[in-house]
C-alpha atoms as a PDB file:
ATOM      1  CA  MET A   1       0.193   0.037  -0.093  1.00  0.00           C
ATOM      2  CA  THR A   2       1.507   3.441  -1.030  1.00  0.00           C
ATOM      3  CA  ASN A   3       1.998   5.945   1.605  1.00  0.00           C
ATOM      4  CA  ALA A   4      -1.163   8.494   1.360  1.00  0.00           C
ATOM      5  CA  THR A   5       0.493  11.210   3.460  1.00  0.00           C
ATOM      6  CA  PRO A   6       1.872  14.041   1.097  1.00  0.00           C
ATOM      7  CA  ILE A   7       5.481  14.814   1.288  1.00  0.00           C
ATOM      8  CA  PRO A   8       6.393  18.395   2.105  1.00  0.00           C
ATOM      9  CA  PHE A   9       7.312  20.657  -0.607  1.00  0.00           C
ATOM     10  CA  ALA A  10      10.947  20.379  -2.170  1.00  0.00           C
ATOM     11  CA  ARG A  11      12.377  17.607   0.091  1.00  0.00           C
ATOM     12  CA  LYS A  12      13.809  15.527  -2.417  1.00  0.00           C
ATOM     13  CA  PRO A  13      15.860  12.274  -1.890  1.00  0.00           C
ATOM     14  CA  GLU A  14      19.512  12.193  -3.268  1.00  0.00           C
ATOM     15  CA  TRP A  15      18.758  10.383  -6.448  1.00  0.00           C
ATOM     16  CA  LEU A  16      16.693  13.377  -7.657  1.00  0.00           C
ATOM     17  CA  ARG A  17      18.900  16.065  -7.309  1.00  0.00           C
ATOM     18  CA  VAL A  18      20.543  17.453 -10.404  1.00  0.00           C
ATOM     19  CA  ARG A  19      22.915  20.541 -10.826  1.00  0.00           C
ATOM     20  CA  ALA A  20      21.760  23.819 -12.021  1.00  0.00           C
ATOM     21  CA  PRO A  21      22.405  24.553 -15.641  1.00  0.00           C
ATOM     22  CA  THR A  22      25.620  26.801 -16.427  1.00  0.00           C
ATOM     23  CA  SER A  23      26.903  25.183 -19.741  1.00  0.00           C
ATOM     24  CA  PRO A  24      27.637  27.955 -22.622  1.00  0.00           C
ATOM     25  CA  ALA A  25      25.609  25.188 -24.683  1.00  0.00           C
ATOM     26  CA  PHE A  26      22.723  25.753 -22.455  1.00  0.00           C
ATOM     27  CA  ARG A  27      23.142  29.434 -23.003  1.00  0.00           C
ATOM     28  CA  GLU A  28      23.369  29.261 -26.704  1.00  0.00           C
ATOM     29  CA  THR A  29      20.096  27.107 -27.079  1.00  0.00           C
ATOM     30  CA  LYS A  30      18.198  29.256 -24.505  1.00  0.00           C
ATOM     31  CA  THR A  31      19.265  32.515 -26.784  1.00  0.00           C
ATOM     32  CA  LEU A  32      18.258  30.476 -30.057  1.00  0.00           C
ATOM     33  CA  MET A  33      14.584  29.692 -28.855  1.00  0.00           C
ATOM     34  CA  ARG A  34      14.238  33.553 -27.645  1.00  0.00           C
ATOM     35  CA  GLN A  35      15.671  34.885 -31.155  1.00  0.00           C
ATOM     36  CA  LEU A  36      13.002  32.341 -32.836  1.00  0.00           C
ATOM     37  CA  ASN A  37      10.257  33.258 -30.429  1.00  0.00           C
ATOM     38  CA  LEU A  38       9.816  29.655 -29.588  1.00  0.00           C
ATOM     39  CA  ASN A  39       8.407  28.181 -26.259  1.00  0.00           C
ATOM     40  CA  THR A  40      10.069  25.010 -24.795  1.00  0.00           C
ATOM     41  CA  VAL A  41       8.246  22.537 -22.561  1.00  0.00           C
ATOM     42  CA  CYS A  42      11.802  22.068 -20.986  1.00  0.00           C
ATOM     43  CA  GLU A  43      11.128  25.567 -19.437  1.00  0.00           C
ATOM     44  CA  GLU A  44       7.507  25.890 -19.144  1.00  0.00           C
ATOM     45  CA  ALA A  45       7.103  22.632 -17.290  1.00  0.00           C
ATOM     46  CA  ALA A  46      10.101  22.979 -15.215  1.00  0.00           C
ATOM     47  CA  CYS A  47      11.987  19.841 -16.204  1.00  0.00           C
ATOM     48  CA  PRO A  48      14.765  18.470 -14.096  1.00  0.00           C
ATOM     49  CA  ASN A  49      16.727  17.454 -17.109  1.00  0.00           C
ATOM     50  CA  ILE A  50      16.976  20.779 -18.812  1.00  0.00           C
ATOM     51  CA  GLY A  51      20.683  21.406 -18.251  1.00  0.00           C
ATOM     52  CA  GLU A  52      21.931  17.965 -19.477  1.00  0.00           C
ATOM     53  CA  CYS A  53      19.291  18.424 -22.655  1.00  0.00           C
ATOM     54  CA  TRP A  54      20.277  22.099 -23.687  1.00  0.00           C
ATOM     55  CA  GLN A  55      24.024  21.333 -23.115  1.00  0.00           C
ATOM     56  CA  LYS A  56      23.621  18.934 -25.816  1.00  0.00           C
ATOM     57  CA  LYS A  57      21.607  20.992 -27.801  1.00  0.00           C
ATOM     58  CA  HIS A  58      18.476  19.004 -27.399  1.00  0.00           C
ATOM     59  CA  ALA A  59      15.171  20.794 -26.799  1.00  0.00           C
ATOM     60  CA  THR A  60      11.423  19.787 -26.916  1.00  0.00           C
ATOM     61  CA  VAL A  61       9.643  22.784 -28.735  1.00  0.00           C
ATOM     62  CA  MET A  62       6.051  23.521 -27.427  1.00  0.00           C
ATOM     63  CA  ILE A  63       3.923  25.024 -30.143  1.00  0.00           C
ATOM     64  CA  LEU A  64       0.680  26.800 -30.149  1.00  0.00           C
ATOM     65  CA  GLY A  65       1.955  29.453 -27.384  1.00  0.00           C
ATOM     66  CA  ASP A  66       2.636  29.209 -23.813  1.00  0.00           C
ATOM     67  CA  THR A  67      -0.762  29.418 -22.247  1.00  0.00           C
ATOM     68  CA  CYS A  68      -2.990  26.214 -21.850  1.00  0.00           C
ATOM     69  CA  THR A  69      -6.699  26.093 -21.818  1.00  0.00           C
ATOM     70  CA  ARG A  70      -6.663  23.238 -19.127  1.00  0.00           C
ATOM     71  CA  ALA A  71      -5.695  23.218 -15.686  1.00  0.00           C
ATOM     72  CA  CYS A  72      -3.966  20.020 -14.649  1.00  0.00           C
ATOM     73  CA  ALA A  73      -2.946  19.476 -11.138  1.00  0.00           C
ATOM     74  CA  PHE A  74       0.720  18.323 -12.252  1.00  0.00           C
ATOM     75  CA  CYS A  75       1.486  20.716 -14.883  1.00  0.00           C
ATOM     76  CA  ASN A  76       3.566  24.058 -14.335  1.00  0.00           C
ATOM     77  CA  VAL A  77       2.354  25.280 -17.841  1.00  0.00           C
ATOM     78  CA  LYS A  78       0.505  28.374 -17.313  1.00  0.00           C
ATOM     79  CA  THR A  79      -3.456  28.289 -17.892  1.00  0.00           C
ATOM     80  CA  GLY A  80      -5.745  30.863 -19.259  1.00  0.00           C
ATOM     81  CA  MET A  81      -7.083  32.206 -22.636  1.00  0.00           C
ATOM     82  CA  PRO A  82      -4.350  31.860 -25.381  1.00  0.00           C
ATOM     83  CA  GLY A  83      -3.323  34.363 -27.722  1.00  0.00           C
ATOM     84  CA  PRO A  84      -3.694  33.816 -31.768  1.00  0.00           C
ATOM     85  CA  VAL A  85      -1.680  31.095 -33.465  1.00  0.00           C
ATOM     86  CA  ASP A  86       1.769  32.386 -34.747  1.00  0.00           C
ATOM     87  CA  PRO A  87       1.624  31.547 -38.621  1.00  0.00           C
ATOM     88  CA  LEU A  88       5.562  31.771 -38.513  1.00  0.00           C
ATOM     89  CA  GLU A  89       5.926  29.537 -35.815  1.00  0.00           C
ATOM     90  CA  PRO A  90       6.386  26.259 -38.210  1.00  0.00           C
ATOM     91  CA  VAL A  91       9.083  28.069 -39.998  1.00  0.00           C
ATOM     92  CA  HIS A  92      10.917  28.946 -36.972  1.00  0.00           C
ATOM     93  CA  VAL A  93      10.742  25.358 -35.562  1.00  0.00           C
ATOM     94  CA  ALA A  94      12.440  24.333 -38.726  1.00  0.00           C
ATOM     95  CA  GLU A  95      14.975  27.032 -38.474  1.00  0.00           C
ATOM     96  CA  ALA A  96      15.885  25.802 -35.069  1.00  0.00           C
ATOM     97  CA  CYS A  97      15.961  22.353 -36.303  1.00  0.00           C
ATOM     98  CA  ALA A  98      18.808  23.263 -38.783  1.00  0.00           C
ATOM     99  CA  ALA A  99      20.732  25.868 -36.578  1.00  0.00           C
ATOM    100  CA  LEU A 100      21.100  23.073 -33.962  1.00  0.00           C
ATOM    101  CA  GLY A 101      21.798  20.416 -36.451  1.00  0.00           C
ATOM    102  CA  LEU A 102      19.122  18.082 -34.823  1.00  0.00           C
ATOM    103  CA  SER A 103      18.882  14.352 -36.088  1.00  0.00           C
ATOM    104  CA  HIS A 104      15.697  14.146 -34.008  1.00  0.00           C
ATOM    105  CA  ILE A 105      13.323  16.683 -32.570  1.00  0.00           C
ATOM    106  CA  VAL A 106      10.449  16.563 -30.226  1.00  0.00           C
ATOM    107  CA  VAL A 107       7.274  18.869 -30.876  1.00  0.00           C
ATOM    108  CA  THR A 108       4.633  19.213 -28.221  1.00  0.00           C
ATOM    109  CA  SER A 109       2.081  21.930 -27.486  1.00  0.00           C
ATOM    110  CA  VAL A 110      -0.269  23.099 -24.967  1.00  0.00           C
ATOM    111  CA  ASP A 111      -4.008  22.214 -24.942  1.00  0.00           C
ATOM    112  CA  ARG A 112      -5.815  24.547 -27.307  1.00  0.00           C
ATOM    113  CA  ASP A 113      -9.540  23.621 -26.528  1.00  0.00           C
ATOM    114  CA  ASP A 114     -10.365  27.013 -28.226  1.00  0.00           C
ATOM    115  CA  LEU A 115      -9.250  26.220 -31.508  1.00  0.00           C
ATOM    116  CA  PRO A 116     -11.768  24.203 -33.883  1.00  0.00           C
ATOM    117  CA  ASP A 117      -9.189  21.454 -34.731  1.00  0.00           C
ATOM    118  CA  GLY A 118      -7.511  21.837 -31.147  1.00  0.00           C
ATOM    119  CA  GLY A 119      -4.217  22.985 -32.899  1.00  0.00           C
ATOM    120  CA  ALA A 120      -3.798  19.633 -35.232  1.00  0.00           C
ATOM    121  CA  SER A 121      -3.386  22.003 -38.560  1.00  0.00           C
ATOM    122  CA  GLN A 122      -0.316  23.495 -36.891  1.00  0.00           C
ATOM    123  CA  PHE A 123       1.251  20.361 -35.755  1.00  0.00           C
ATOM    124  CA  VAL A 124       0.777  19.370 -39.430  1.00  0.00           C
ATOM    125  CA  LYS A 125       2.442  22.578 -40.493  1.00  0.00           C
ATOM    126  CA  VAL A 126       5.398  22.204 -38.202  1.00  0.00           C
ATOM    127  CA  ILE A 127       6.004  18.766 -39.628  1.00  0.00           C
ATOM    128  CA  GLU A 128       5.848  19.906 -43.174  1.00  0.00           C
ATOM    129  CA  ALA A 129       8.469  22.759 -42.357  1.00  0.00           C
ATOM    130  CA  ILE A 130      11.036  20.368 -40.828  1.00  0.00           C
ATOM    131  CA  ARG A 131      10.635  18.109 -43.480  1.00  0.00           C
ATOM    132  CA  ALA A 132      11.230  20.894 -46.096  1.00  0.00           C
ATOM    133  CA  ARG A 133      14.118  22.713 -44.063  1.00  0.00           C
ATOM    134  CA  ALA A 134      15.965  19.773 -42.529  1.00  0.00           C
ATOM    135  CA  PRO A 135      14.617  16.357 -44.342  1.00  0.00           C
ATOM    136  CA  ALA A 136      17.145  14.353 -42.396  1.00  0.00           C
ATOM    137  CA  THR A 137      15.626  15.209 -38.911  1.00  0.00           C
ATOM    138  CA  THR A 138      13.536  12.693 -37.654  1.00  0.00           C
ATOM    139  CA  ILE A 139      10.395  13.875 -35.858  1.00  0.00           C
ATOM    140  CA  GLU A 140       8.383  12.958 -32.729  1.00  0.00           C
ATOM    141  CA  ILE A 141       5.275  14.845 -31.803  1.00  0.00           C
ATOM    142  CA  LEU A 142       3.488  14.924 -28.224  1.00  0.00           C
ATOM    143  CA  THR A 143       0.076  15.644 -28.742  1.00  0.00           C
ATOM    144  CA  PRO A 144      -2.810  16.571 -26.480  1.00  0.00           C
ATOM    145  CA  ASP A 145      -5.759  14.710 -26.321  1.00  0.00           C
ATOM    146  CA  PHE A 146      -7.954  16.657 -28.958  1.00  0.00           C
ATOM    147  CA  ARG A 147     -11.070  16.403 -26.564  1.00  0.00           C
ATOM    148  CA  ASN A 148     -14.163  16.345 -29.160  1.00  0.00           C
ATOM    149  CA  LYS A 149     -12.332  16.559 -32.236  1.00  0.00           C
ATOM    150  CA  ALA A 150      -9.823  13.754 -31.820  1.00  0.00           C
ATOM    151  CA  ASP A 151     -10.660  11.746 -35.213  1.00  0.00           C
ATOM    152  CA  ALA A 152     -10.159  14.437 -37.678  1.00  0.00           C
ATOM    153  CA  ALA A 153      -7.229  15.603 -35.910  1.00  0.00           C
ATOM    154  CA  VAL A 154      -5.448  12.587 -35.474  1.00  0.00           C
ATOM    155  CA  GLU A 155      -6.086  11.661 -38.974  1.00  0.00           C
ATOM    156  CA  ALA A 156      -4.532  14.865 -40.189  1.00  0.00           C
ATOM    157  CA  ILE A 157      -1.629  14.503 -38.223  1.00  0.00           C
ATOM    158  CA  VAL A 158      -1.089  10.831 -38.951  1.00  0.00           C
ATOM    159  CA  ALA A 159      -1.392  11.560 -42.733  1.00  0.00           C
ATOM    160  CA  ALA A 160       1.827  13.914 -42.231  1.00  0.00           C
ATOM    161  CA  ARG A 161       3.798  11.088 -41.161  1.00  0.00           C
ATOM    162  CA  PRO A 162       5.838  12.078 -38.102  1.00  0.00           C
ATOM    163  CA  ASP A 163       8.202   9.141 -37.024  1.00  0.00           C
ATOM    164  CA  VAL A 164       6.618   8.705 -33.788  1.00  0.00           C
ATOM    165  CA  TYR A 165       3.212   9.621 -32.183  1.00  0.00           C
ATOM    166  CA  ASN A 166       3.452  10.354 -28.274  1.00  0.00           C
ATOM    167  CA  HIS A 167       0.283  10.716 -26.072  1.00  0.00           C
ATOM    168  CA  ASN A 168       0.956  10.581 -22.337  1.00  0.00           C
ATOM    169  CA  LEU A 169      -1.693   8.720 -20.324  1.00  0.00           C
ATOM    170  CA  GLU A 170      -0.119  10.279 -17.492  1.00  0.00           C
ATOM    171  CA  THR A 171      -1.506   8.532 -14.427  1.00  0.00           C
ATOM    172  CA  VAL A 172      -3.759   5.523 -13.615  1.00  0.00           C
ATOM    173  CA  PRO A 173      -7.642   6.002 -14.281  1.00  0.00           C
ATOM    174  CA  ARG A 174      -8.498   6.232 -10.479  1.00  0.00           C
ATOM    175  CA  LEU A 175      -6.483   9.290 -10.365  1.00  0.00           C
ATOM    176  CA  TYR A 176      -7.981  11.331 -13.348  1.00  0.00           C
ATOM    177  CA  PRO A 177     -10.490  13.284 -11.552  1.00  0.00           C
ATOM    178  CA  THR A 178      -7.940  14.899  -9.582  1.00  0.00           C
ATOM    179  CA  ILE A 179      -4.741  15.052 -11.322  1.00  0.00           C
ATOM    180  CA  ARG A 180      -5.969  15.352 -15.073  1.00  0.00           C
ATOM    181  CA  PRO A 181      -9.679  16.530 -14.512  1.00  0.00           C
ATOM    182  CA  GLY A 182     -10.161  17.890 -17.901  1.00  0.00           C
ATOM    183  CA  ALA A 183      -8.971  14.652 -19.770  1.00  0.00           C
ATOM    184  CA  ARG A 184     -10.772  11.269 -19.909  1.00  0.00           C
ATOM    185  CA  TYR A 185      -8.462   8.147 -19.593  1.00  0.00           C
ATOM    186  CA  TYR A 186     -10.225   5.927 -22.227  1.00  0.00           C
ATOM    187  CA  HIS A 187     -10.352   8.799 -24.636  1.00  0.00           C
ATOM    188  CA  SER A 188      -6.785   8.895 -24.463  1.00  0.00           C
ATOM    189  CA  LEU A 189      -6.408   5.281 -24.621  1.00  0.00           C
ATOM    190  CA  ARG A 190      -8.526   5.432 -27.602  1.00  0.00           C
ATOM    191  CA  LEU A 191      -6.385   8.041 -29.551  1.00  0.00           C
ATOM    192  CA  LEU A 192      -3.481   5.834 -29.288  1.00  0.00           C
ATOM    193  CA  GLU A 193      -5.328   3.008 -30.508  1.00  0.00           C
ATOM    194  CA  ARG A 194      -6.437   5.206 -33.400  1.00  0.00           C
ATOM    195  CA  VAL A 195      -3.175   6.004 -34.442  1.00  0.00           C
ATOM    196  CA  LYS A 196      -2.016   2.527 -34.954  1.00  0.00           C
ATOM    197  CA  THR A 197      -5.456   1.697 -36.809  1.00  0.00           C
ATOM    198  CA  LEU A 198      -4.599   4.290 -39.175  1.00  0.00           C
ATOM    199  CA  ASP A 199      -1.011   3.622 -39.677  1.00  0.00           C
ATOM    200  CA  SER A 200       0.285   0.583 -38.041  1.00  0.00           C
ATOM    201  CA  SER A 201       4.116   1.117 -39.256  1.00  0.00           C
ATOM    202  CA  LEU A 202       4.157   4.614 -36.809  1.00  0.00           C
ATOM    203  CA  PHE A 203       5.734   3.970 -33.651  1.00  0.00           C
ATOM    204  CA  THR A 204       3.568   5.098 -30.656  1.00  0.00           C
ATOM    205  CA  LYS A 205       4.681   6.062 -27.366  1.00  0.00           C
ATOM    206  CA  SER A 206       3.015   7.038 -23.920  1.00  0.00           C
ATOM    207  CA  GLY A 207       4.186   7.989 -20.459  1.00  0.00           C
ATOM    208  CA  LEU A 208       3.530   7.759 -16.592  1.00  0.00           C
ATOM    209  CA  MET A 209       4.197   9.642 -13.856  1.00  0.00           C
ATOM    210  CA  VAL A 210       4.271   7.840 -10.377  1.00  0.00           C
ATOM    211  CA  GLY A 211       4.486   8.852  -6.724  1.00  0.00           C
ATOM    212  CA  LEU A 212       0.912  10.481  -6.948  1.00  0.00           C
ATOM    213  CA  GLY A 213      -0.594   7.683  -4.948  1.00  0.00           C
ATOM    214  CA  GLU A 214      -0.994   5.231  -7.512  1.00  0.00           C
ATOM    215  CA  GLU A 215      -0.734   1.553  -6.626  1.00  0.00           C
ATOM    216  CA  ARG A 216       1.511  -1.191  -8.430  1.00  0.00           C
ATOM    217  CA  LEU A 217      -1.281  -3.274  -9.811  1.00  0.00           C
ATOM    218  CA  GLU A 218      -2.888  -0.175 -11.193  1.00  0.00           C
ATOM    219  CA  ILE A 219       0.457   0.697 -12.992  1.00  0.00           C
ATOM    220  CA  HIS A 220       0.331  -2.933 -14.184  1.00  0.00           C
ATOM    221  CA  GLN A 221      -3.289  -2.410 -15.526  1.00  0.00           C
ATOM    222  CA  VAL A 222      -2.248   0.839 -17.474  1.00  0.00           C
ATOM    223  CA  MET A 223       0.402  -1.210 -19.056  1.00  0.00           C
ATOM    224  CA  ASP A 224      -1.972  -4.062 -20.191  1.00  0.00           C
ATOM    225  CA  ASP A 225      -4.189  -1.155 -21.596  1.00  0.00           C
ATOM    226  CA  MET A 226      -1.361   0.424 -23.450  1.00  0.00           C
ATOM    227  CA  ARG A 227      -0.450  -2.850 -25.007  1.00  0.00           C
ATOM    228  CA  VAL A 228      -4.010  -3.689 -26.140  1.00  0.00           C
ATOM    229  CA  ALA A 229      -3.933  -0.425 -27.857  1.00  0.00           C
ATOM    230  CA  GLY A 230      -0.615  -1.285 -29.741  1.00  0.00           C
ATOM    231  CA  VAL A 231       1.529   1.322 -27.914  1.00  0.00           C
ATOM    232  CA  ASP A 232       5.298   0.558 -28.782  1.00  0.00           C
ATOM    233  CA  PHE A 233       7.289   2.519 -26.165  1.00  0.00           C
ATOM    234  CA  LEU A 234       6.432   3.212 -22.350  1.00  0.00           C
ATOM    235  CA  THR A 235       8.252   5.939 -20.252  1.00  0.00           C
ATOM    236  CA  ILE A 236       7.819   5.825 -16.515  1.00  0.00           C
ATOM    237  CA  GLY A 237       9.235   8.746 -14.293  1.00  0.00           C
ATOM    238  CA  GLN A 238       8.977  10.537 -11.026  1.00  0.00           C
ATOM    239  CA  TYR A 239       6.200  13.224 -10.469  1.00  0.00           C
ATOM    240  CA  LEU A 240       7.868  16.143  -8.943  1.00  0.00           C
ATOM    241  CA  GLN A 241       5.829  18.880  -7.587  1.00  0.00           C
ATOM    242  CA  PRO A 242       6.394  22.185  -9.503  1.00  0.00           C
ATOM    243  CA  THR A 243       4.947  24.616  -6.888  1.00  0.00           C
ATOM    244  CA  PRO A 244       3.124  24.356  -3.590  1.00  0.00           C
ATOM    245  CA  ARG A 245       0.016  25.349  -5.344  1.00  0.00           C
ATOM    246  CA  HIS A 246       0.218  21.657  -7.715  1.00  0.00           C
ATOM    247  CA  ALA A 247      -0.721  18.314  -6.426  1.00  0.00           C
ATOM    248  CA  PRO A 248       1.667  16.936  -3.798  1.00  0.00           C
ATOM    249  CA  VAL A 249       4.271  14.149  -4.216  1.00  0.00           C
ATOM    250  CA  VAL A 250       2.791  11.322  -2.202  1.00  0.00           C
ATOM    251  CA  GLU A 251       5.969   8.976  -2.707  1.00  0.00           C
ATOM    252  CA  PHE A 252       9.356   9.239  -3.996  1.00  0.00           C
ATOM    253  CA  VAL A 253       9.712   5.966  -5.655  1.00  0.00           C
ATOM    254  CA  PRO A 254      12.909   4.437  -5.299  1.00  0.00           C
ATOM    255  CA  PRO A 255      15.282   3.577  -8.351  1.00  0.00           C
ATOM    256  CA  GLU A 256      14.821  -0.285  -7.547  1.00  0.00           C
ATOM    257  CA  THR A 257      11.163   0.065  -8.136  1.00  0.00           C
ATOM    258  CA  PHE A 258      11.365   1.850 -11.485  1.00  0.00           C
ATOM    259  CA  ALA A 259      13.622  -1.303 -12.426  1.00  0.00           C
ATOM    260  CA  ARG A 260      10.917  -3.725 -11.611  1.00  0.00           C
ATOM    261  CA  TYR A 261       8.412  -1.582 -13.556  1.00  0.00           C
ATOM    262  CA  ARG A 262      10.686  -1.806 -16.321  1.00  0.00           C
ATOM    263  CA  MET A 263      11.027  -5.783 -16.104  1.00  0.00           C
ATOM    264  CA  VAL A 264       7.085  -5.976 -16.048  1.00  0.00           C
ATOM    265  CA  ALA A 265       6.733  -3.845 -18.896  1.00  0.00           C
ATOM    266  CA  GLU A 266       9.321  -5.576 -21.005  1.00  0.00           C
ATOM    267  CA  ALA A 267       7.672  -8.940 -20.243  1.00  0.00           C
ATOM    268  CA  LYS A 268       4.320  -7.483 -21.377  1.00  0.00           C
ATOM    269  CA  GLY A 269       5.969  -6.916 -24.998  1.00  0.00           C
ATOM    270  CA  PHE A 270       6.903  -3.136 -25.163  1.00  0.00           C
ATOM    271  CA  LEU A 271       9.412  -2.514 -27.828  1.00  0.00           C
ATOM    272  CA  LEU A 272      11.307  -0.248 -25.456  1.00  0.00           C
ATOM    273  CA  VAL A 273      10.905   0.940 -21.990  1.00  0.00           C
ATOM    274  CA  SER A 274      12.587   3.860 -20.132  1.00  0.00           C
ATOM    275  CA  ALA A 275      11.978   3.808 -16.329  1.00  0.00           C
ATOM    276  CA  SER A 276      13.716   5.938 -13.936  1.00  0.00           C
ATOM    277  CA  PRO A 277      13.070   8.662 -11.540  1.00  0.00           C
ATOM    278  CA  LEU A 278      14.364  11.263 -13.852  1.00  0.00           C
ATOM    279  CA  THR A 279      12.816   9.571 -17.060  1.00  0.00           C
ATOM    280  CA  ARG A 280      10.535  12.408 -19.164  1.00  0.00           C
ATOM    281  CA  SER A 281       8.998  11.752 -22.208  1.00  0.00           C
ATOM    282  CA  SER A 282      11.534  13.707 -24.423  1.00  0.00           C
ATOM    283  CA  HIS A 283      14.429  12.796 -22.484  1.00  0.00           C
ATOM    284  CA  HIS A 284      16.935  11.075 -24.659  1.00  0.00           C
ATOM    285  CA  ALA A 285      14.472  10.973 -27.475  1.00  0.00           C
ATOM    286  CA  GLY A 286      16.814  10.757 -30.244  1.00  0.00           C
ATOM    287  CA  THR A 287      18.850   7.895 -28.570  1.00  0.00           C
ATOM    288  CA  ASP A 288      15.583   6.283 -27.728  1.00  0.00           C
ATOM    289  CA  PHE A 289      14.339   6.524 -31.423  1.00  0.00           C
ATOM    290  CA  ALA A 290      17.267   4.804 -32.589  1.00  0.00           C
ATOM    291  CA  ARG A 291      16.738   2.012 -30.180  1.00  0.00           C
ATOM    292  CA  LEU A 292      13.156   1.615 -31.140  1.00  0.00           C
ATOM    293  CA  LYS A 293      13.814   1.147 -34.599  1.00  0.00           C
ATOM    294  CA  ALA A 294      16.481  -1.526 -33.672  1.00  0.00           C
ATOM    295  CA  ALA A 295      14.116  -3.116 -31.496  1.00  0.00           C
ATOM    296  CA  ARG A 296      11.377  -3.573 -34.005  1.00  0.00           C
ATOM    297  CA  ALA A 297      13.873  -4.743 -36.642  1.00  0.00           C
ATOM    298  CA  ALA A 298      15.098  -7.375 -34.090  1.00  0.00           C
ATOM    299  CA  ARG A 299      11.427  -8.681 -33.327  1.00  0.00           C
ATOM    300  CA  LEU A 300      10.577  -8.898 -37.445  1.00  0.00           C
ATOM    301  CA  ALA A 301      13.664 -10.866 -37.717  1.00  0.00           C
ATOM    302  CA  LYS A 302      12.183 -13.370 -35.399  1.00  0.00           C
ATOM    303  CA  VAL A 303       9.217 -13.523 -37.269  1.00  0.00           C
ATOM    304  CA  PRO A 304       9.142 -16.390 -39.848  1.00  0.00           C
ATOM    305  CA  ALA A 305       8.311 -15.183 -43.247  1.00  0.00           C
ATOM    306  CA  LEU A 306       4.892 -16.259 -44.529  1.00  0.00           C
ATOM    307  CA  ALA A 307       4.961 -19.012 -47.275  1.00  0.00           C
END
């Protein structure tokens, strides 16, 4: 049974402590993002890996502005009425790809429930701009759930052919009303399944946070649900409370528990599993994409050719 007593804000164990970013490459990446008027989830979500990633000139670009129409209890992105969509944003994202020499980019967004398509057309434009400006760059998208408009939105994005389609389930169904109140677990699950139905060759990916009060068997059930939906790649990381106003941490899950979750997930058939306290959806995304392709190739090689 998980300890249900919230842990006081900012009391982190040793395995979750990271150094403040100071490298020249970090500053160069930040300067470039400001010059191109781009937002990053690295900054907006207060990611603990920002120093490591930006030192390597890796960044997860957040399109459609910096203001979300939802108010999830775990997320540090500001909530409110967003401004108009920037028509130059796709070109700027493509320019960032070229300037940083990216082999792989992750593109995510805020929720835009105010837009007729939820912002799907902007994802498509960004994919097309990257293909034109940096054709060697592989593209991973991390989309919201496109509530009430998912079918058309997902169809448009899948048709644009990203290399990886990521949509995070975030937590177990029982915790959705308090942690992710604007979303619905089974809607998100169906979105991932829809991607595979439309194009089975696309890699799909989803992530979970732990430490919010979930039980071990609930995590195992979510793994099963993901596999039924055809999810290829699972990430599991520790939830960290961004500010005292956000949902409290109930447990700092030790590294050995993450190792057990990884073993269980691998046994359930995921092509790739990343599970550690500091794992985040886009952490090591480029390296993980190469591992994902290799894992699929190895699995297909074991399947005997049809007569």
